[in-house]
Amino acid sequence: MERVQRDNALFRYFRETRAELRKVVWPSRKEATRLSLIVVSVLVTLSVFLGVVDYVFAQLIGLIVR
Protein backbone atom coordinates (compact mmCIF):
# COMPACT_ATOMS: atom_id res chain seq x y z
CA MET A 1 0.00 0.00 0.00
CA GLU A 2 1.17 3.44 -0.88
CA ARG A 3 1.04 6.01 1.80
CA VAL A 4 -0.07 9.49 0.71
CA GLN A 5 1.73 12.17 2.64
CA ARG A 6 -0.41 15.18 3.41
CA ASP A 7 1.07 18.66 3.45
CA ASN A 8 1.34 20.28 6.80
CA ALA A 9 -1.30 23.05 6.87
CA LEU A 10 1.17 25.62 8.18
CA PHE A 11 3.74 24.91 5.45
CA ARG A 12 1.02 24.97 2.80
CA TYR A 13 -0.20 28.34 4.10
CA PHE A 14 3.28 29.89 3.89
CA ARG A 15 3.93 28.41 0.45
CA GLU A 16 0.63 29.77 -0.90
CA THR A 17 1.20 33.15 0.74
CA ARG A 18 4.62 33.40 -0.86
CA ALA A 19 3.15 32.53 -4.26
CA GLU A 20 0.47 35.22 -3.89
CA LEU A 21 3.02 37.85 -2.84
CA ARG A 22 4.97 37.18 -6.04
CA LYS A 23 1.86 38.21 -8.02
CA VAL A 24 1.59 41.59 -6.28
CA VAL A 25 2.46 44.68 -8.29
CA TRP A 26 4.21 46.87 -5.74
CA PRO A 27 3.98 50.67 -6.14
CA SER A 28 7.06 52.68 -6.97
CA ARG A 29 8.67 54.79 -4.27
CA LYS A 30 7.28 57.97 -5.86
CA GLU A 31 3.74 56.55 -6.02
CA ALA A 32 3.89 55.24 -2.44
CA THR A 33 5.07 58.66 -1.20
CA ARG A 34 2.33 60.47 -3.11
CA LEU A 35 -0.39 58.15 -1.82
CA SER A 36 0.93 58.43 1.74
CA LEU A 37 0.80 62.22 1.52
CA ILE A 38 -2.80 62.02 0.32
CA VAL A 39 -3.73 59.82 3.27
CA VAL A 40 -2.00 62.12 5.77
CA SER A 41 -3.67 65.20 4.21
CA VAL A 42 -7.12 63.65 4.42
CA LEU A 43 -6.43 62.56 8.00
CA VAL A 44 -5.36 66.04 9.09
CA THR A 45 -8.30 67.69 7.28
CA LEU A 46 -10.85 65.35 8.86
CA SER A 47 -9.23 65.74 12.28
CA VAL A 48 -9.49 69.53 12.09
CA PHE A 49 -13.08 69.31 10.83
CA LEU A 50 -14.11 66.94 13.64
CA GLY A 51 -12.32 69.13 16.19
CA VAL A 52 -14.28 72.16 15.02
CA VAL A 53 -17.57 70.24 15.06
CA ASP A 54 -16.79 68.97 18.57
CA TYR A 55 -16.00 72.50 19.77
CA VAL A 56 -19.23 73.89 18.30
CA PHE A 57 -21.34 71.14 19.87
CA ALA A 58 -19.57 71.61 23.22
CA GLN A 59 -20.38 75.33 23.12
CA LEU A 60 -24.03 74.61 22.21
CA ILE A 61 -24.37 72.09 25.03
CA GLY A 62 -22.76 74.64 27.38
CA LEU A 63 -25.39 77.21 26.42
CA ILE A 64 -28.23 74.71 26.91
CA VAL A 65 -27.01 73.50 30.32
CA ARG A 66 -26.57 76.99 31.80
PDB file of N, CA and C in Angstrom:
ATOM      1  N   MET A   1       0.824  -1.177   0.000  1.00  0.00           N
ATOM      2  CA  MET A   1       0.000   0.000   0.000  1.00  0.00           C
ATOM      3  C   MET A   1       0.875   1.250   0.000  1.00  0.00           C
ATOM      4  N   GLU A   2       0.467   2.171  -0.846  1.00  0.00           N
ATOM      5  CA  GLU A   2       1.168   3.443  -0.879  1.00  0.00           C
ATOM      6  C   GLU A   2       0.596   4.376   0.160  1.00  0.00           C
ATOM      7  N   ARG A   3       1.469   5.077   0.771  1.00  0.00           N
ATOM      8  CA  ARG A   3       1.038   6.010   1.798  1.00  0.00           C
ATOM      9  C   ARG A   3       1.099   7.423   1.218  1.00  0.00           C
ATOM     10  N   VAL A   4      -0.021   8.132   1.237  1.00  0.00           N
ATOM     11  CA  VAL A   4      -0.071   9.492   0.710  1.00  0.00           C
ATOM     12  C   VAL A   4       0.273  10.447   1.844  1.00  0.00           C
ATOM     13  N   GLN A   5       1.315  11.229   1.606  1.00  0.00           N
ATOM     14  CA  GLN A   5       1.730  12.169   2.644  1.00  0.00           C
ATOM     15  C   GLN A   5       0.984  13.484   2.424  1.00  0.00           C
ATOM     16  N   ARG A   6       0.327  13.927   3.484  1.00  0.00           N
ATOM     17  CA  ARG A   6      -0.409  15.179   3.412  1.00  0.00           C
ATOM     18  C   ARG A   6       0.511  16.327   3.785  1.00  0.00           C
ATOM     19  N   ASP A   7       0.296  17.471   3.113  1.00  0.00           N
ATOM     20  CA  ASP A   7       1.068  18.661   3.451  1.00  0.00           C
ATOM     21  C   ASP A   7       0.654  19.165   4.821  1.00  0.00           C
ATOM     22  N   ASN A   8       1.618  19.628   5.536  1.00  0.00           N
ATOM     23  CA  ASN A   8       1.341  20.280   6.801  1.00  0.00           C
ATOM     24  C   ASN A   8       0.609  21.585   6.472  1.00  0.00           C
ATOM     25  N   ALA A   9      -0.474  21.877   7.165  1.00  0.00           N
ATOM     26  CA  ALA A   9      -1.296  23.051   6.869  1.00  0.00           C
ATOM     27  C   ALA A   9      -0.497  24.343   7.000  1.00  0.00           C
ATOM     28  N   LEU A  10       0.384  24.410   7.979  1.00  0.00           N
ATOM     29  CA  LEU A  10       1.172  25.619   8.176  1.00  0.00           C
ATOM     30  C   LEU A  10       2.140  25.837   7.017  1.00  0.00           C
ATOM     31  N   PHE A  11       2.821  24.786   6.577  1.00  0.00           N
ATOM     32  CA  PHE A  11       3.744  24.913   5.449  1.00  0.00           C
ATOM     33  C   PHE A  11       2.992  25.271   4.173  1.00  0.00           C
ATOM     34  N   ARG A  12       1.834  24.673   3.981  1.00  0.00           N
ATOM     35  CA  ARG A  12       1.017  24.974   2.798  1.00  0.00           C
ATOM     36  C   ARG A  12       0.600  26.450   2.807  1.00  0.00           C
ATOM     37  N   TYR A  13       0.207  26.938   3.975  1.00  0.00           N
ATOM     38  CA  TYR A  13      -0.200  28.343   4.103  1.00  0.00           C
ATOM     39  C   TYR A  13       0.941  29.268   3.681  1.00  0.00           C
ATOM     40  N   PHE A  14       2.145  29.033   4.213  1.00  0.00           N
ATOM     41  CA  PHE A  14       3.278  29.892   3.888  1.00  0.00           C
ATOM     42  C   PHE A  14       3.670  29.776   2.417  1.00  0.00           C
ATOM     43  N   ARG A  15       3.595  28.591   1.861  1.00  0.00           N
ATOM     44  CA  ARG A  15       3.928  28.410   0.450  1.00  0.00           C
ATOM     45  C   ARG A  15       2.946  29.161  -0.440  1.00  0.00           C
ATOM     46  N   GLU A  16       1.648  29.073  -0.114  1.00  0.00           N
ATOM     47  CA  GLU A  16       0.631  29.774  -0.903  1.00  0.00           C
ATOM     48  C   GLU A  16       0.725  31.288  -0.720  1.00  0.00           C
ATOM     49  N   THR A  17       1.043  31.721   0.495  1.00  0.00           N
ATOM     50  CA  THR A  17       1.202  33.151   0.745  1.00  0.00           C
ATOM     51  C   THR A  17       2.363  33.703  -0.072  1.00  0.00           C
ATOM     52  N   ARG A  18       3.450  32.976  -0.093  1.00  0.00           N
ATOM     53  CA  ARG A  18       4.619  33.399  -0.862  1.00  0.00           C
ATOM     54  C   ARG A  18       4.296  33.478  -2.354  1.00  0.00           C
ATOM     55  N   ALA A  19       3.536  32.520  -2.845  1.00  0.00           N
ATOM     56  CA  ALA A  19       3.149  32.527  -4.258  1.00  0.00           C
ATOM     57  C   ALA A  19       2.264  33.735  -4.569  1.00  0.00           C
ATOM     58  N   GLU A  20       1.355  34.071  -3.666  1.00  0.00           N
ATOM     59  CA  GLU A  20       0.475  35.222  -3.889  1.00  0.00           C
ATOM     60  C   GLU A  20       1.261  36.530  -3.847  1.00  0.00           C
ATOM     61  N   LEU A  21       2.223  36.628  -2.935  1.00  0.00           N
ATOM     62  CA  LEU A  21       3.019  37.851  -2.837  1.00  0.00           C
ATOM     63  C   LEU A  21       3.864  38.084  -4.091  1.00  0.00           C
ATOM     64  N   ARG A  22       4.214  37.023  -4.790  1.00  0.00           N
ATOM     65  CA  ARG A  22       4.965  37.175  -6.040  1.00  0.00           C
ATOM     66  C   ARG A  22       4.101  37.786  -7.137  1.00  0.00           C
ATOM     67  N   LYS A  23       2.770  37.665  -7.015  1.00  0.00           N
ATOM     68  CA  LYS A  23       1.857  38.210  -8.021  1.00  0.00           C
ATOM     69  C   LYS A  23       1.570  39.701  -7.803  1.00  0.00           C
ATOM     70  N   VAL A  24       1.907  40.211  -6.628  1.00  0.00           N
ATOM     71  CA  VAL A  24       1.586  41.593  -6.282  1.00  0.00           C
ATOM     72  C   VAL A  24       2.416  42.556  -7.120  1.00  0.00           C
ATOM     73  N   VAL A  25       1.753  43.609  -7.605  1.00  0.00           N
ATOM     74  CA  VAL A  25       2.462  44.680  -8.295  1.00  0.00           C
ATOM     75  C   VAL A  25       2.672  45.780  -7.265  1.00  0.00           C
ATOM     76  N   TRP A  26       3.909  45.912  -6.785  1.00  0.00           N
ATOM     77  CA  TRP A  26       4.209  46.866  -5.742  1.00  0.00           C
ATOM     78  C   TRP A  26       4.340  48.259  -6.335  1.00  0.00           C
ATOM     79  N   PRO A  27       3.870  49.296  -5.614  1.00  0.00           N
ATOM     80  CA  PRO A  27       3.981  50.665  -6.137  1.00  0.00           C
ATOM     81  C   PRO A  27       5.432  51.138  -6.101  1.00  0.00           C
ATOM     82  N   SER A  28       5.712  52.093  -6.980  1.00  0.00           N
ATOM     83  CA  SER A  28       7.055  52.676  -6.975  1.00  0.00           C
ATOM     84  C   SER A  28       7.202  53.559  -5.726  1.00  0.00           C
ATOM     85  N   ARG A  29       8.424  53.944  -5.443  1.00  0.00           N
ATOM     86  CA  ARG A  29       8.674  54.790  -4.269  1.00  0.00           C
ATOM     87  C   ARG A  29       7.932  56.122  -4.410  1.00  0.00           C
ATOM     88  N   LYS A  30       7.941  56.693  -5.608  1.00  0.00           N
ATOM     89  CA  LYS A  30       7.277  57.966  -5.860  1.00  0.00           C
ATOM     90  C   LYS A  30       5.767  57.836  -5.641  1.00  0.00           C
ATOM     91  N   GLU A  31       5.188  56.770  -6.168  1.00  0.00           N
ATOM     92  CA  GLU A  31       3.743  56.549  -6.023  1.00  0.00           C
ATOM     93  C   GLU A  31       3.363  56.295  -4.563  1.00  0.00           C
ATOM     94  N   ALA A  32       4.161  55.521  -3.858  1.00  0.00           N
ATOM     95  CA  ALA A  32       3.891  55.244  -2.443  1.00  0.00           C
ATOM     96  C   ALA A  32       3.964  56.526  -1.615  1.00  0.00           C
ATOM     97  N   THR A  33       4.932  57.387  -1.916  1.00  0.00           N
ATOM     98  CA  THR A  33       5.068  58.657  -1.202  1.00  0.00           C
ATOM     99  C   THR A  33       3.869  59.550  -1.477  1.00  0.00           C
ATOM    100  N   ARG A  34       3.463  59.634  -2.732  1.00  0.00           N
ATOM    101  CA  ARG A  34       2.325  60.468  -3.112  1.00  0.00           C
ATOM    102  C   ARG A  34       1.049  59.987  -2.433  1.00  0.00           C
ATOM    103  N   LEU A  35       0.811  58.696  -2.443  1.00  0.00           N
ATOM    104  CA  LEU A  35      -0.392  58.147  -1.815  1.00  0.00           C
ATOM    105  C   LEU A  35      -0.363  58.335  -0.301  1.00  0.00           C
ATOM    106  N   SER A  36       0.808  58.213   0.297  1.00  0.00           N
ATOM    107  CA  SER A  36       0.932  58.426   1.744  1.00  0.00           C
ATOM    108  C   SER A  36       0.626  59.877   2.103  1.00  0.00           C
ATOM    109  N   LEU A  37       1.093  60.807   1.290  1.00  0.00           N
ATOM    110  CA  LEU A  37       0.803  62.219   1.525  1.00  0.00           C
ATOM    111  C   LEU A  37      -0.688  62.510   1.394  1.00  0.00           C
ATOM    112  N   ILE A  38      -1.349  61.857   0.463  1.00  0.00           N
ATOM    113  CA  ILE A  38      -2.796  62.024   0.317  1.00  0.00           C
ATOM    114  C   ILE A  38      -3.507  61.529   1.571  1.00  0.00           C
ATOM    115  N   VAL A  39      -3.106  60.377   2.067  1.00  0.00           N
ATOM    116  CA  VAL A  39      -3.729  59.816   3.271  1.00  0.00           C
ATOM    117  C   VAL A  39      -3.513  60.735   4.468  1.00  0.00           C
ATOM    118  N   VAL A  40      -2.296  61.233   4.648  1.00  0.00           N
ATOM    119  CA  VAL A  40      -1.998  62.124   5.773  1.00  0.00           C
ATOM    120  C   VAL A  40      -2.789  63.427   5.642  1.00  0.00           C
ATOM    121  N   SER A  41      -2.909  63.966   4.425  1.00  0.00           N
ATOM    122  CA  SER A  41      -3.673  65.204   4.210  1.00  0.00           C
ATOM    123  C   SER A  41      -5.145  65.016   4.565  1.00  0.00           C
ATOM    124  N   VAL A  42      -5.718  63.919   4.110  1.00  0.00           N
ATOM    125  CA  VAL A  42      -7.122  63.649   4.418  1.00  0.00           C
ATOM    126  C   VAL A  42      -7.295  63.467   5.924  1.00  0.00           C
ATOM    127  N   LEU A  43      -6.374  62.781   6.557  1.00  0.00           N
ATOM    128  CA  LEU A  43      -6.429  62.562   7.999  1.00  0.00           C
ATOM    129  C   LEU A  43      -6.386  63.879   8.771  1.00  0.00           C
ATOM    130  N   VAL A  44      -5.475  64.747   8.410  1.00  0.00           N
ATOM    131  CA  VAL A  44      -5.358  66.041   9.086  1.00  0.00           C
ATOM    132  C   VAL A  44      -6.611  66.880   8.848  1.00  0.00           C
ATOM    133  N   THR A  45      -7.094  66.916   7.609  1.00  0.00           N
ATOM    134  CA  THR A  45      -8.299  67.685   7.277  1.00  0.00           C
ATOM    135  C   THR A  45      -9.499  67.200   8.073  1.00  0.00           C
ATOM    136  N   LEU A  46      -9.709  65.894   8.111  1.00  0.00           N
ATOM    137  CA  LEU A  46     -10.847  65.354   8.859  1.00  0.00           C
ATOM    138  C   LEU A  46     -10.685  65.570  10.364  1.00  0.00           C
ATOM    139  N   SER A  47      -9.468  65.507  10.861  1.00  0.00           N
ATOM    140  CA  SER A  47      -9.230  65.745  12.282  1.00  0.00           C
ATOM    141  C   SER A  47      -9.580  67.183  12.657  1.00  0.00           C
ATOM    142  N   VAL A  48      -9.169  68.132  11.832  1.00  0.00           N
ATOM    143  CA  VAL A  48      -9.489  69.535  12.091  1.00  0.00           C
ATOM    144  C   VAL A  48     -11.004  69.738  12.014  1.00  0.00           C
ATOM    145  N   PHE A  49     -11.627  69.174  10.992  1.00  0.00           N
ATOM    146  CA  PHE A  49     -13.076  69.307  10.835  1.00  0.00           C
ATOM    147  C   PHE A  49     -13.814  68.744  12.058  1.00  0.00           C
ATOM    148  N   LEU A  50     -13.449  67.540  12.478  1.00  0.00           N
ATOM    149  CA  LEU A  50     -14.111  66.937  13.636  1.00  0.00           C
ATOM    150  C   LEU A  50     -13.819  67.712  14.921  1.00  0.00           C
ATOM    151  N   GLY A  51     -12.640  68.294  15.034  1.00  0.00           N
ATOM    152  CA  GLY A  51     -12.319  69.128  16.191  1.00  0.00           C
ATOM    153  C   GLY A  51     -13.198  70.364  16.234  1.00  0.00           C
ATOM    154  N   VAL A  52     -13.411  70.987  15.088  1.00  0.00           N
ATOM    155  CA  VAL A  52     -14.278  72.164  15.019  1.00  0.00           C
ATOM    156  C   VAL A  52     -15.722  71.786  15.354  1.00  0.00           C
ATOM    157  N   VAL A  53     -16.203  70.702  14.780  1.00  0.00           N
ATOM    158  CA  VAL A  53     -17.570  70.243  15.063  1.00  0.00           C
ATOM    159  C   VAL A  53     -17.726  69.938  16.549  1.00  0.00           C
ATOM    160  N   ASP A  54     -16.749  69.278  17.145  1.00  0.00           N
ATOM    161  CA  ASP A  54     -16.794  68.966  18.574  1.00  0.00           C
ATOM    162  C   ASP A  54     -16.841  70.246  19.404  1.00  0.00           C
ATOM    163  N   TYR A  55     -16.027  71.221  19.040  1.00  0.00           N
ATOM    164  CA  TYR A  55     -15.996  72.496  19.767  1.00  0.00           C
ATOM    165  C   TYR A  55     -17.356  73.201  19.679  1.00  0.00           C
ATOM    166  N   VAL A  56     -17.932  73.232  18.482  1.00  0.00           N
ATOM    167  CA  VAL A  56     -19.234  73.888  18.299  1.00  0.00           C
ATOM    168  C   VAL A  56     -20.297  73.189  19.139  1.00  0.00           C
ATOM    169  N   PHE A  57     -20.336  71.873  19.083  1.00  0.00           N
ATOM    170  CA  PHE A  57     -21.336  71.143  19.875  1.00  0.00           C
ATOM    171  C   PHE A  57     -21.113  71.336  21.375  1.00  0.00           C
ATOM    172  N   ALA A  58     -19.865  71.396  21.804  1.00  0.00           N
ATOM    173  CA  ALA A  58     -19.575  71.614  23.222  1.00  0.00           C
ATOM    174  C   ALA A  58     -20.079  72.995  23.651  1.00  0.00           C
ATOM    175  N   GLN A  59     -19.894  73.982  22.798  1.00  0.00           N
ATOM    176  CA  GLN A  59     -20.384  75.330  23.116  1.00  0.00           C
ATOM    177  C   GLN A  59     -21.907  75.354  23.156  1.00  0.00           C
ATOM    178  N   LEU A  60     -22.560  74.653  22.227  1.00  0.00           N
ATOM    179  CA  LEU A  60     -24.026  74.607  22.212  1.00  0.00           C
ATOM    180  C   LEU A  60     -24.559  73.911  23.455  1.00  0.00           C
ATOM    181  N   ILE A  61     -23.952  72.808  23.833  1.00  0.00           N
ATOM    182  CA  ILE A  61     -24.374  72.087  25.035  1.00  0.00           C
ATOM    183  C   ILE A  61     -24.142  72.974  26.253  1.00  0.00           C
ATOM    184  N   GLY A  62     -23.036  73.725  26.280  1.00  0.00           N
ATOM    185  CA  GLY A  62     -22.762  74.639  27.378  1.00  0.00           C
ATOM    186  C   GLY A  62     -23.832  75.708  27.517  1.00  0.00           C
ATOM    187  N   LEU A  63     -24.317  76.210  26.390  1.00  0.00           N
ATOM    188  CA  LEU A  63     -25.385  77.208  26.416  1.00  0.00           C
ATOM    189  C   LEU A  63     -26.697  76.614  26.901  1.00  0.00           C
ATOM    190  N   ILE A  64     -26.971  75.372  26.518  1.00  0.00           N
ATOM    191  CA  ILE A  64     -28.232  74.710  26.910  1.00  0.00           C
ATOM    192  C   ILE A  64     -28.219  74.383  28.400  1.00  0.00           C
ATOM    193  N   VAL A  65     -27.104  73.939  28.923  1.00  0.00           N
ATOM    194  CA  VAL A  65     -27.009  73.495  30.315  1.00  0.00           C
ATOM    195  C   VAL A  65     -27.078  74.687  31.281  1.00  0.00           C
ATOM    196  N   ARG A  66     -26.585  75.826  30.904  1.00  0.00           N
ATOM    197  CA  ARG A  66     -26.567  76.990  31.804  1.00  0.00           C
ATOM    198  C   ARG A  66     -27.913  77.352  32.293  1.00  0.00           C
TER     199      ARG A  66
END
